[in-house]
Structure formats: structure tokens, C-alpha cells
N, C-alpha and C. Protein backbone atom coordinates (compact mmCIF):
# COMPACT_ATOMS: atom_id res chain seq x y z
N UNK A 1 61.32 258.60 102.74
CA UNK A 1 61.38 259.69 103.69
C UNK A 1 60.78 259.25 105.03
N UNK A 2 59.60 258.63 104.98
CA UNK A 2 58.94 258.16 106.20
C UNK A 2 59.80 257.10 106.89
N UNK A 3 60.42 256.24 106.08
CA UNK A 3 61.29 255.20 106.63
C UNK A 3 62.47 255.84 107.37
N UNK A 4 63.08 256.84 106.79
CA UNK A 4 64.22 257.52 107.42
C UNK A 4 63.79 258.21 108.70
N UNK A 5 62.64 258.85 108.70
CA UNK A 5 62.14 259.53 109.90
C UNK A 5 61.86 258.51 111.00
N UNK A 6 61.29 257.38 110.63
CA UNK A 6 61.01 256.33 111.61
C UNK A 6 62.31 255.81 112.23
N UNK A 7 63.30 255.53 111.40
CA UNK A 7 64.58 255.02 111.89
C UNK A 7 65.25 256.06 112.78
N UNK A 8 65.24 257.33 112.37
CA UNK A 8 65.82 258.39 113.18
C UNK A 8 65.10 258.51 114.52
N UNK A 9 63.78 258.44 114.50
CA UNK A 9 62.99 258.52 115.74
C UNK A 9 63.32 257.37 116.68
N UNK A 10 63.44 256.17 116.13
CA UNK A 10 63.81 255.01 116.95
C UNK A 10 65.20 255.17 117.54
N UNK A 11 66.13 255.68 116.73
CA UNK A 11 67.50 255.86 117.21
C UNK A 11 67.55 256.88 118.35
N UNK A 12 66.83 257.98 118.20
CA UNK A 12 66.83 259.02 119.23
C UNK A 12 66.19 258.49 120.51
N UNK A 13 65.04 257.81 120.36
CA UNK A 13 64.36 257.23 121.52
C UNK A 13 65.26 256.22 122.23
N UNK A 14 65.91 255.36 121.46
CA UNK A 14 66.81 254.36 122.05
C UNK A 14 67.98 255.02 122.76
N UNK A 15 68.54 256.06 122.16
CA UNK A 15 69.68 256.75 122.78
C UNK A 15 69.28 257.39 124.10
N UNK A 16 68.13 258.07 124.12
CA UNK A 16 67.67 258.71 125.35
C UNK A 16 67.39 257.66 126.42
N UNK A 17 66.66 256.59 126.05
CA UNK A 17 66.34 255.54 127.01
C UNK A 17 67.61 254.87 127.53
N UNK A 18 68.55 254.60 126.64
CA UNK A 18 69.79 253.97 127.05
C UNK A 18 70.56 254.86 128.02
N UNK A 19 70.61 256.15 127.73
CA UNK A 19 71.30 257.09 128.61
C UNK A 19 70.68 257.12 129.99
N UNK A 20 69.36 257.12 130.04
CA UNK A 20 68.68 257.13 131.34
C UNK A 20 68.94 255.83 132.10
N UNK A 21 68.90 254.72 131.38
CA UNK A 21 69.14 253.44 132.03
C UNK A 21 70.59 253.30 132.49
N UNK A 22 71.53 253.80 131.70
CA UNK A 22 72.93 253.75 132.10
C UNK A 22 73.14 254.57 133.36
N UNK A 23 72.52 255.74 133.42
CA UNK A 23 72.65 256.60 134.60
C UNK A 23 72.12 255.88 135.84
N UNK A 24 71.02 255.15 135.71
CA UNK A 24 70.46 254.40 136.84
C UNK A 24 71.35 253.23 137.21
N UNK A 25 72.00 252.62 136.21
CA UNK A 25 72.77 251.41 136.45
C UNK A 25 74.13 251.69 137.09
N UNK A 26 74.63 252.90 137.01
CA UNK A 26 75.96 253.22 137.50
C UNK A 26 76.19 252.77 138.93
N UNK A 27 75.18 252.84 139.79
CA UNK A 27 75.34 252.46 141.19
C UNK A 27 75.10 250.99 141.45
N UNK A 28 74.77 250.19 140.45
CA UNK A 28 74.44 248.78 140.65
C UNK A 28 75.71 247.95 140.86
N UNK A 29 75.79 247.29 141.97
CA UNK A 29 76.88 246.36 142.27
C UNK A 29 76.26 245.14 142.93
N UNK A 30 76.28 243.99 142.25
CA UNK A 30 75.67 242.81 142.84
C UNK A 30 76.41 242.35 144.09
N UNK A 31 75.65 241.84 145.07
CA UNK A 31 76.26 241.29 146.28
C UNK A 31 76.97 240.00 145.94
N UNK A 32 78.00 239.66 146.70
CA UNK A 32 78.83 238.50 146.37
C UNK A 32 78.06 237.18 146.43
N UNK A 33 77.01 237.09 147.24
CA UNK A 33 76.27 235.83 147.31
C UNK A 33 75.29 235.66 146.16
N UNK A 34 75.13 236.69 145.36
CA UNK A 34 74.24 236.61 144.21
C UNK A 34 74.98 236.02 143.03
N UNK A 35 74.18 235.55 142.05
CA UNK A 35 74.77 235.02 140.83
C UNK A 35 74.06 235.63 139.65
N UNK A 36 74.66 235.62 138.46
CA UNK A 36 74.06 236.23 137.28
C UNK A 36 74.12 235.28 136.10
N UNK A 37 73.12 235.38 135.21
CA UNK A 37 73.14 234.62 133.98
C UNK A 37 73.65 235.54 132.89
N UNK A 38 74.70 235.13 132.20
CA UNK A 38 75.28 235.92 131.13
C UNK A 38 75.12 235.13 129.86
N UNK A 39 74.51 235.73 128.85
CA UNK A 39 74.29 235.08 127.57
C UNK A 39 75.18 235.77 126.56
N UNK A 40 76.08 235.02 125.92
CA UNK A 40 77.01 235.59 124.94
C UNK A 40 76.53 235.26 123.54
N UNK A 41 76.39 236.26 122.69
CA UNK A 41 76.00 236.06 121.31
C UNK A 41 76.67 237.14 120.50
N UNK A 42 77.58 236.77 119.61
CA UNK A 42 78.28 237.80 118.87
C UNK A 42 77.60 238.11 117.55
N UNK A 43 78.12 239.11 116.86
CA UNK A 43 77.50 239.59 115.63
C UNK A 43 77.53 238.55 114.53
N UNK A 44 78.45 237.58 114.59
CA UNK A 44 78.50 236.56 113.56
C UNK A 44 77.44 235.50 113.80
N UNK A 45 76.64 235.69 114.84
CA UNK A 45 75.50 234.86 115.18
C UNK A 45 75.87 233.49 115.71
N UNK A 46 77.12 233.32 116.18
CA UNK A 46 77.44 232.08 116.86
C UNK A 46 77.08 232.26 118.32
N UNK A 47 76.68 231.19 118.97
CA UNK A 47 76.16 231.29 120.32
C UNK A 47 77.07 230.54 121.28
N UNK A 48 77.41 231.19 122.40
CA UNK A 48 78.06 230.49 123.50
C UNK A 48 77.50 231.09 124.78
N UNK A 49 77.00 230.25 125.65
CA UNK A 49 76.41 230.74 126.89
C UNK A 49 77.33 230.40 128.05
N UNK A 50 77.46 231.33 128.96
CA UNK A 50 78.26 231.13 130.17
C UNK A 50 77.39 231.51 131.36
N UNK A 51 76.49 230.61 131.79
CA UNK A 51 75.54 231.00 132.82
C UNK A 51 76.12 231.02 134.23
N UNK A 52 75.73 232.03 134.96
CA UNK A 52 75.87 232.10 136.40
C UNK A 52 74.66 232.94 136.85
N UNK A 53 74.22 232.86 138.06
CA UNK A 53 72.97 233.52 138.45
C UNK A 53 73.10 234.58 139.52
N UNK A 54 72.39 235.71 139.35
CA UNK A 54 72.27 236.76 140.36
C UNK A 54 70.78 236.97 140.60
N UNK A 55 70.24 236.25 141.53
CA UNK A 55 68.80 236.34 141.84
C UNK A 55 67.96 236.42 140.58
N UNK A 56 68.24 235.60 139.60
CA UNK A 56 67.43 235.58 138.40
C UNK A 56 67.73 236.66 137.39
N UNK A 57 68.75 237.49 137.63
CA UNK A 57 69.09 238.56 136.70
C UNK A 57 69.85 237.96 135.53
N UNK A 58 69.56 238.42 134.31
CA UNK A 58 70.24 237.96 133.11
C UNK A 58 70.92 239.14 132.44
N UNK A 59 72.20 238.99 132.11
CA UNK A 59 72.94 240.04 131.41
C UNK A 59 73.20 239.59 129.98
N UNK A 60 72.81 240.43 129.03
CA UNK A 60 73.04 240.15 127.61
C UNK A 60 74.10 241.13 127.14
N UNK A 61 75.30 240.65 126.80
CA UNK A 61 76.35 241.57 126.38
C UNK A 61 76.08 242.17 125.01
N UNK A 62 76.56 243.40 124.82
CA UNK A 62 76.43 244.06 123.53
C UNK A 62 77.34 243.34 122.53
N UNK A 63 76.81 243.06 121.36
CA UNK A 63 77.58 242.38 120.31
C UNK A 63 78.50 243.37 119.60
N UNK A 64 79.40 242.85 118.82
CA UNK A 64 80.34 243.68 118.07
C UNK A 64 79.63 244.64 117.12
N UNK A 65 78.41 244.28 116.69
CA UNK A 65 77.66 245.14 115.78
C UNK A 65 76.92 246.26 116.52
N UNK A 66 77.07 246.32 117.86
CA UNK A 66 76.44 247.37 118.65
C UNK A 66 75.03 247.04 119.11
N UNK A 67 74.52 245.88 118.74
CA UNK A 67 73.16 245.48 119.12
C UNK A 67 73.20 244.46 120.26
N UNK A 68 72.05 244.27 120.88
CA UNK A 68 71.90 243.22 121.88
C UNK A 68 71.14 242.08 121.23
N UNK A 69 71.75 240.90 121.22
CA UNK A 69 71.15 239.69 120.66
C UNK A 69 70.84 238.74 121.79
N UNK A 70 69.61 238.26 121.86
CA UNK A 70 69.20 237.36 122.94
C UNK A 70 68.78 236.01 122.36
N UNK A 71 69.25 234.97 123.01
CA UNK A 71 68.82 233.62 122.66
C UNK A 71 67.69 233.26 123.63
N UNK A 72 66.53 232.95 123.09
CA UNK A 72 65.37 232.65 123.92
C UNK A 72 64.91 231.22 123.68
N UNK A 73 64.40 230.64 124.73
CA UNK A 73 63.73 229.34 124.64
C UNK A 73 62.26 229.65 124.44
N UNK A 74 61.74 229.38 123.26
CA UNK A 74 60.34 229.64 122.95
C UNK A 74 59.65 228.29 122.87
N UNK A 75 58.79 228.04 123.86
CA UNK A 75 58.21 226.71 124.06
C UNK A 75 59.36 225.72 124.19
N UNK A 76 59.64 224.92 123.18
CA UNK A 76 60.75 223.96 123.27
C UNK A 76 61.85 224.23 122.26
N UNK A 77 61.78 225.37 121.58
CA UNK A 77 62.72 225.69 120.50
C UNK A 77 63.54 226.93 120.86
N UNK A 78 64.80 226.93 120.48
CA UNK A 78 65.67 228.09 120.70
C UNK A 78 65.57 229.03 119.50
N UNK A 79 65.34 230.32 119.79
CA UNK A 79 65.22 231.34 118.75
C UNK A 79 66.15 232.50 119.09
N UNK A 80 66.84 233.02 118.11
CA UNK A 80 67.72 234.17 118.28
C UNK A 80 66.91 235.44 117.96
N UNK A 81 66.95 236.40 118.90
CA UNK A 81 66.21 237.65 118.74
C UNK A 81 67.14 238.85 118.78
N UNK A 82 66.83 239.85 117.99
CA UNK A 82 67.43 241.16 118.13
C UNK A 82 66.57 241.91 119.14
N UNK A 83 67.18 242.41 120.22
CA UNK A 83 66.42 243.14 121.23
C UNK A 83 66.03 244.49 120.62
N UNK A 84 64.73 244.79 120.62
CA UNK A 84 64.23 246.02 120.01
C UNK A 84 63.18 246.65 120.92
N UNK A 85 63.61 247.60 121.75
CA UNK A 85 62.68 248.26 122.67
C UNK A 85 61.69 249.15 121.92
N UNK A 86 61.94 249.40 120.66
CA UNK A 86 61.01 250.18 119.84
C UNK A 86 59.91 249.33 119.23
N UNK A 87 60.01 248.02 119.37
CA UNK A 87 58.98 247.12 118.85
C UNK A 87 57.94 246.90 119.95
N UNK A 88 56.69 247.16 119.65
CA UNK A 88 55.61 247.00 120.63
C UNK A 88 55.45 245.56 121.07
N UNK A 89 55.66 244.63 120.16
CA UNK A 89 55.47 243.22 120.46
C UNK A 89 56.64 242.41 119.93
N UNK A 90 56.74 241.17 120.39
CA UNK A 90 57.69 240.23 119.84
C UNK A 90 57.27 239.99 118.39
N UNK A 91 58.23 240.05 117.47
CA UNK A 91 57.95 239.86 116.05
C UNK A 91 58.76 238.68 115.54
N UNK A 92 58.10 237.76 114.87
CA UNK A 92 58.75 236.56 114.36
C UNK A 92 58.83 236.58 112.84
N UNK A 93 59.96 236.12 112.33
CA UNK A 93 60.06 235.89 110.89
C UNK A 93 59.24 234.63 110.57
N UNK A 94 58.82 234.47 109.34
CA UNK A 94 58.10 233.24 108.98
C UNK A 94 58.94 231.98 109.24
N UNK A 95 60.26 232.07 109.03
CA UNK A 95 61.14 230.92 109.24
C UNK A 95 61.12 230.50 110.72
N UNK A 96 61.23 231.48 111.63
CA UNK A 96 61.21 231.14 113.05
C UNK A 96 59.82 230.64 113.46
N UNK A 97 58.77 231.24 112.93
CA UNK A 97 57.41 230.78 113.25
C UNK A 97 57.23 229.32 112.84
N UNK A 98 57.71 228.96 111.66
CA UNK A 98 57.61 227.56 111.20
C UNK A 98 58.37 226.63 112.14
N UNK A 99 59.59 227.04 112.55
CA UNK A 99 60.39 226.22 113.46
C UNK A 99 59.68 226.01 114.80
N UNK A 100 58.84 226.99 115.18
CA UNK A 100 58.09 226.89 116.43
C UNK A 100 56.83 226.03 116.28
N UNK A 101 56.56 225.61 115.05
CA UNK A 101 55.40 224.75 114.83
C UNK A 101 54.12 225.51 114.50
N UNK A 102 54.24 226.79 114.18
CA UNK A 102 53.06 227.58 113.82
C UNK A 102 52.53 227.09 112.47
N UNK A 103 51.22 226.85 112.41
CA UNK A 103 50.57 226.46 111.15
C UNK A 103 50.42 227.71 110.30
N UNK A 104 51.33 227.89 109.37
CA UNK A 104 51.38 229.12 108.57
C UNK A 104 50.12 229.29 107.71
N UNK A 105 49.47 228.19 107.35
CA UNK A 105 48.26 228.27 106.53
C UNK A 105 47.05 228.74 107.33
N UNK A 106 47.13 228.62 108.66
CA UNK A 106 46.00 229.02 109.50
C UNK A 106 46.09 230.47 109.97
N UNK A 107 47.21 231.13 109.68
CA UNK A 107 47.40 232.51 110.16
C UNK A 107 46.49 233.48 109.41
N UNK A 108 46.02 234.48 110.15
CA UNK A 108 45.20 235.53 109.57
C UNK A 108 46.00 236.83 109.66
N UNK A 109 46.38 237.36 108.52
CA UNK A 109 47.21 238.58 108.46
C UNK A 109 46.29 239.80 108.46
N UNK A 110 45.87 240.20 109.66
CA UNK A 110 44.92 241.30 109.78
C UNK A 110 45.42 242.43 110.69
N UNK A 111 46.70 242.39 111.04
CA UNK A 111 47.29 243.42 111.89
C UNK A 111 48.19 244.31 111.04
N UNK A 112 47.86 245.59 110.92
CA UNK A 112 48.70 246.52 110.16
C UNK A 112 49.89 246.93 111.02
N UNK A 113 51.09 246.79 110.45
CA UNK A 113 52.30 247.16 111.17
C UNK A 113 53.21 247.96 110.24
N UNK A 114 54.09 248.74 110.86
CA UNK A 114 55.10 249.47 110.11
C UNK A 114 56.46 248.96 110.56
N UNK A 115 57.23 248.45 109.62
CA UNK A 115 58.58 247.98 109.90
C UNK A 115 59.56 248.97 109.26
N UNK A 116 60.83 248.73 109.44
CA UNK A 116 61.84 249.56 108.80
C UNK A 116 61.72 249.50 107.29
N UNK A 117 61.12 248.42 106.78
CA UNK A 117 60.93 248.27 105.33
C UNK A 117 59.62 248.85 104.83
N UNK A 118 58.80 249.36 105.74
CA UNK A 118 57.53 249.94 105.33
C UNK A 118 56.34 249.25 105.96
N UNK A 119 55.15 249.57 105.45
CA UNK A 119 53.91 249.01 106.00
C UNK A 119 53.66 247.62 105.44
N UNK A 120 53.11 246.77 106.31
CA UNK A 120 52.76 245.41 105.90
C UNK A 120 51.68 244.89 106.85
N UNK A 121 51.20 243.71 106.59
CA UNK A 121 50.21 243.07 107.45
C UNK A 121 50.90 241.94 108.21
N UNK A 122 50.45 241.70 109.43
CA UNK A 122 51.02 240.66 110.27
C UNK A 122 49.90 239.82 110.87
N UNK A 123 50.28 238.64 111.35
CA UNK A 123 49.33 237.73 111.99
C UNK A 123 49.65 237.65 113.48
N UNK A 124 48.64 237.81 114.31
CA UNK A 124 48.81 237.75 115.76
C UNK A 124 48.80 236.31 116.23
N UNK A 125 49.76 235.99 117.12
CA UNK A 125 49.78 234.68 117.78
C UNK A 125 50.10 234.92 119.26
N UNK A 126 49.95 233.89 120.05
CA UNK A 126 50.34 233.95 121.46
C UNK A 126 51.33 232.82 121.70
N UNK A 127 52.49 233.17 122.23
CA UNK A 127 53.53 232.19 122.56
C UNK A 127 53.23 231.66 123.97
N UNK A 128 53.12 230.35 124.10
CA UNK A 128 52.78 229.74 125.39
C UNK A 128 53.81 230.08 126.47
N UNK A 129 55.10 229.87 126.15
CA UNK A 129 56.14 230.08 127.16
C UNK A 129 57.40 230.59 126.46
N UNK A 130 58.03 231.59 127.07
CA UNK A 130 59.22 232.18 126.50
C UNK A 130 60.19 232.49 127.62
N UNK A 131 61.45 232.06 127.47
CA UNK A 131 62.44 232.25 128.53
C UNK A 131 63.76 232.74 127.96
N UNK A 132 64.29 233.78 128.62
CA UNK A 132 65.63 234.28 128.32
C UNK A 132 66.39 234.26 129.64
N UNK A 133 67.42 233.44 129.72
CA UNK A 133 68.15 233.31 130.97
C UNK A 133 67.20 232.87 132.07
N UNK A 134 67.14 233.66 133.14
CA UNK A 134 66.29 233.34 134.28
C UNK A 134 64.90 233.98 134.18
N UNK A 135 64.64 234.74 133.14
CA UNK A 135 63.35 235.44 132.99
C UNK A 135 62.42 234.63 132.10
N UNK A 136 61.30 234.21 132.65
CA UNK A 136 60.34 233.42 131.89
C UNK A 136 58.96 234.07 131.93
N UNK A 137 58.30 234.10 130.79
CA UNK A 137 56.94 234.64 130.67
C UNK A 137 56.05 233.61 129.99
N UNK A 138 54.78 233.66 130.32
CA UNK A 138 53.79 232.81 129.65
C UNK A 138 52.81 233.70 128.90
N UNK A 139 52.21 233.14 127.88
CA UNK A 139 51.21 233.84 127.07
C UNK A 139 51.73 235.19 126.57
N UNK A 140 52.81 235.13 125.79
CA UNK A 140 53.44 236.33 125.25
C UNK A 140 52.84 236.65 123.89
N UNK A 141 52.31 237.85 123.76
CA UNK A 141 51.76 238.29 122.47
C UNK A 141 52.89 238.45 121.46
N UNK A 142 52.65 237.98 120.24
CA UNK A 142 53.65 238.07 119.18
C UNK A 142 52.96 238.26 117.84
N UNK A 143 53.73 238.70 116.87
CA UNK A 143 53.25 238.84 115.50
C UNK A 143 54.17 238.06 114.58
N UNK A 144 53.58 237.41 113.59
CA UNK A 144 54.36 236.82 112.51
C UNK A 144 54.28 237.82 111.36
N UNK A 145 55.45 238.31 110.96
CA UNK A 145 55.51 239.34 109.92
C UNK A 145 56.13 238.71 108.67
N UNK A 146 55.34 238.56 107.60
CA UNK A 146 55.80 237.81 106.43
C UNK A 146 56.87 238.51 105.61
N UNK A 147 56.90 239.84 105.64
CA UNK A 147 57.85 240.59 104.81
C UNK A 147 58.50 241.69 105.64
N UNK A 148 59.77 241.94 105.39
CA UNK A 148 60.43 243.10 105.98
C UNK A 148 61.28 242.82 107.20
N UNK A 149 61.30 241.58 107.71
CA UNK A 149 62.16 241.25 108.85
C UNK A 149 63.25 240.28 108.41
N UNK A 150 64.49 240.60 108.76
CA UNK A 150 65.57 239.65 108.48
C UNK A 150 65.85 238.78 109.69
N UNK A 151 65.39 239.23 110.87
CA UNK A 151 65.56 238.47 112.10
C UNK A 151 64.36 238.73 113.01
N UNK A 152 64.08 237.81 113.89
CA UNK A 152 62.98 238.01 114.84
C UNK A 152 63.38 239.07 115.86
N UNK A 153 62.39 239.80 116.37
CA UNK A 153 62.63 240.92 117.28
C UNK A 153 62.05 240.62 118.66
N UNK A 154 62.83 240.92 119.68
CA UNK A 154 62.35 240.81 121.05
C UNK A 154 61.80 242.17 121.44
N UNK A 155 60.48 242.28 121.43
CA UNK A 155 59.82 243.55 121.68
C UNK A 155 59.24 243.67 123.07
N UNK A 156 58.46 244.71 123.26
CA UNK A 156 57.95 245.09 124.57
C UNK A 156 56.89 244.15 125.13
N UNK A 157 56.27 243.30 124.31
CA UNK A 157 55.31 242.36 124.88
C UNK A 157 56.01 241.35 125.78
N UNK A 158 57.32 241.21 125.64
CA UNK A 158 58.12 240.42 126.59
C UNK A 158 58.85 241.35 127.56
N UNK A 159 59.62 242.29 127.03
CA UNK A 159 60.44 243.17 127.86
C UNK A 159 59.61 243.97 128.86
N UNK A 160 58.43 244.43 128.45
CA UNK A 160 57.59 245.24 129.31
C UNK A 160 57.00 244.49 130.49
N UNK A 161 57.08 243.18 130.46
CA UNK A 161 56.56 242.37 131.56
C UNK A 161 57.63 242.04 132.60
N UNK A 162 58.88 242.40 132.33
CA UNK A 162 59.94 242.24 133.31
C UNK A 162 59.73 243.27 134.42
N UNK A 163 60.30 243.03 135.60
CA UNK A 163 60.20 244.05 136.64
C UNK A 163 60.96 245.30 136.20
N UNK A 164 62.04 245.10 135.45
CA UNK A 164 62.77 246.20 134.82
C UNK A 164 63.85 245.63 133.92
N UNK A 165 64.37 246.47 133.03
CA UNK A 165 65.57 246.13 132.27
C UNK A 165 66.41 247.39 132.19
N UNK A 166 67.72 247.18 132.13
CA UNK A 166 68.65 248.30 132.16
C UNK A 166 69.72 248.10 131.10
N UNK A 167 70.08 249.19 130.44
CA UNK A 167 71.16 249.15 129.46
C UNK A 167 72.39 249.84 130.05
N UNK A 168 73.53 249.18 129.92
CA UNK A 168 74.79 249.79 130.30
C UNK A 168 75.62 249.91 129.03
N UNK A 169 76.83 250.39 129.17
CA UNK A 169 77.69 250.50 128.00
C UNK A 169 77.88 249.17 127.29
N UNK A 170 77.97 248.10 128.06
CA UNK A 170 78.29 246.82 127.46
C UNK A 170 77.27 245.72 127.61
N UNK A 171 76.17 245.96 128.36
CA UNK A 171 75.20 244.88 128.59
C UNK A 171 73.78 245.41 128.71
N UNK A 172 72.85 244.52 128.43
CA UNK A 172 71.44 244.77 128.72
C UNK A 172 71.09 243.82 129.86
N UNK A 173 70.61 244.37 130.98
CA UNK A 173 70.34 243.60 132.17
C UNK A 173 68.84 243.39 132.30
N UNK A 174 68.41 242.12 132.34
CA UNK A 174 66.99 241.79 132.48
C UNK A 174 66.73 241.36 133.92
N UNK A 175 65.74 242.00 134.55
CA UNK A 175 65.33 241.65 135.90
C UNK A 175 63.93 241.03 135.83
N UNK A 176 63.80 239.74 136.26
CA UNK A 176 62.49 239.09 136.14
C UNK A 176 61.39 239.76 136.95
């Protein structure tokens, strides 16, 4: 029951936020001298990038599954994230954390979190450098969540540090 209420709350919040962002984005038309970075990632999880730049703006197209999937450069490794504005922080699966070189034996699971699968404990880490398209952040707070995640999540500890982000019908626009 709690899981269903949480999912419903996230869906309603996302719908309202998306509607507000779409309304703001309707008047956006980039100038011809600007360029944009477009990152293509479909629901089958194959990646193809077609970069062009608009003053550092990055557009992430909506995948066939209705979600926004972002490919990020985390330190020196590429990680695929599900964009989740309902996640307070970037959340990593243990598999992605290992690929990033995190010493899994040194992690301290002392952060209580609630995922779609229920309550669990997570370990706090700090990502040195994280980049999506033209948007780069340093010292990004993240959690390694051992159970309940099928994919890593791009949460507000990254998104909230952008100057803004906007959702349209077909894209999520990141402004550094």
C-alpha cells in the first residue's frame, strides 16, 4: 500500500512539474548561432549520440518507454542513468559503483532510504566529476543502494545544481 502511494505521489508530482516546465518551454527557440548537444538513448538501452551545441545546453530525448535516459561520464566511466526528479540524490546500483572503482567492502550502509521496492539502507559517496553533454559538476553526492534498483538514477544532487532543466513533450533540456 505504501509502495503504491509513493509511486502515485511521484507520478503526480512528475506530471505537475512536467506540465509547468512544458508551459515555460513553449516560447523557447534557440538562436541560429547557438548549438545544442542531443543525447539519443532508446528504451532498448542502445546508445547513439549526435552532439551539436547550444551554449552548453543538452537535450535528452524521451525514449520509447516514456522515460528520459541519460548517458553520463562519471569520472572516467560511462554510466546510463534513468532521470528521476523524485530522487533526492544520484543513486547507483552496486554494479555501476563497482565499474566506477568504488571499494564495495569499505562502504558504510548507514543512510535509510525508501525506493519503489521499499525501505533499505544505502552508502553515501561523493562522485569527483560527472558530466552529461555540456553540463559538468564536481563533488556530486550519491548513494550506493544495494537492493531495489534495477538501474542507476540521476537525481536532484546533480539536476538541482543546473541553472535549470525543462521538460517538453519529447525532450528534457539541461541548462548548465
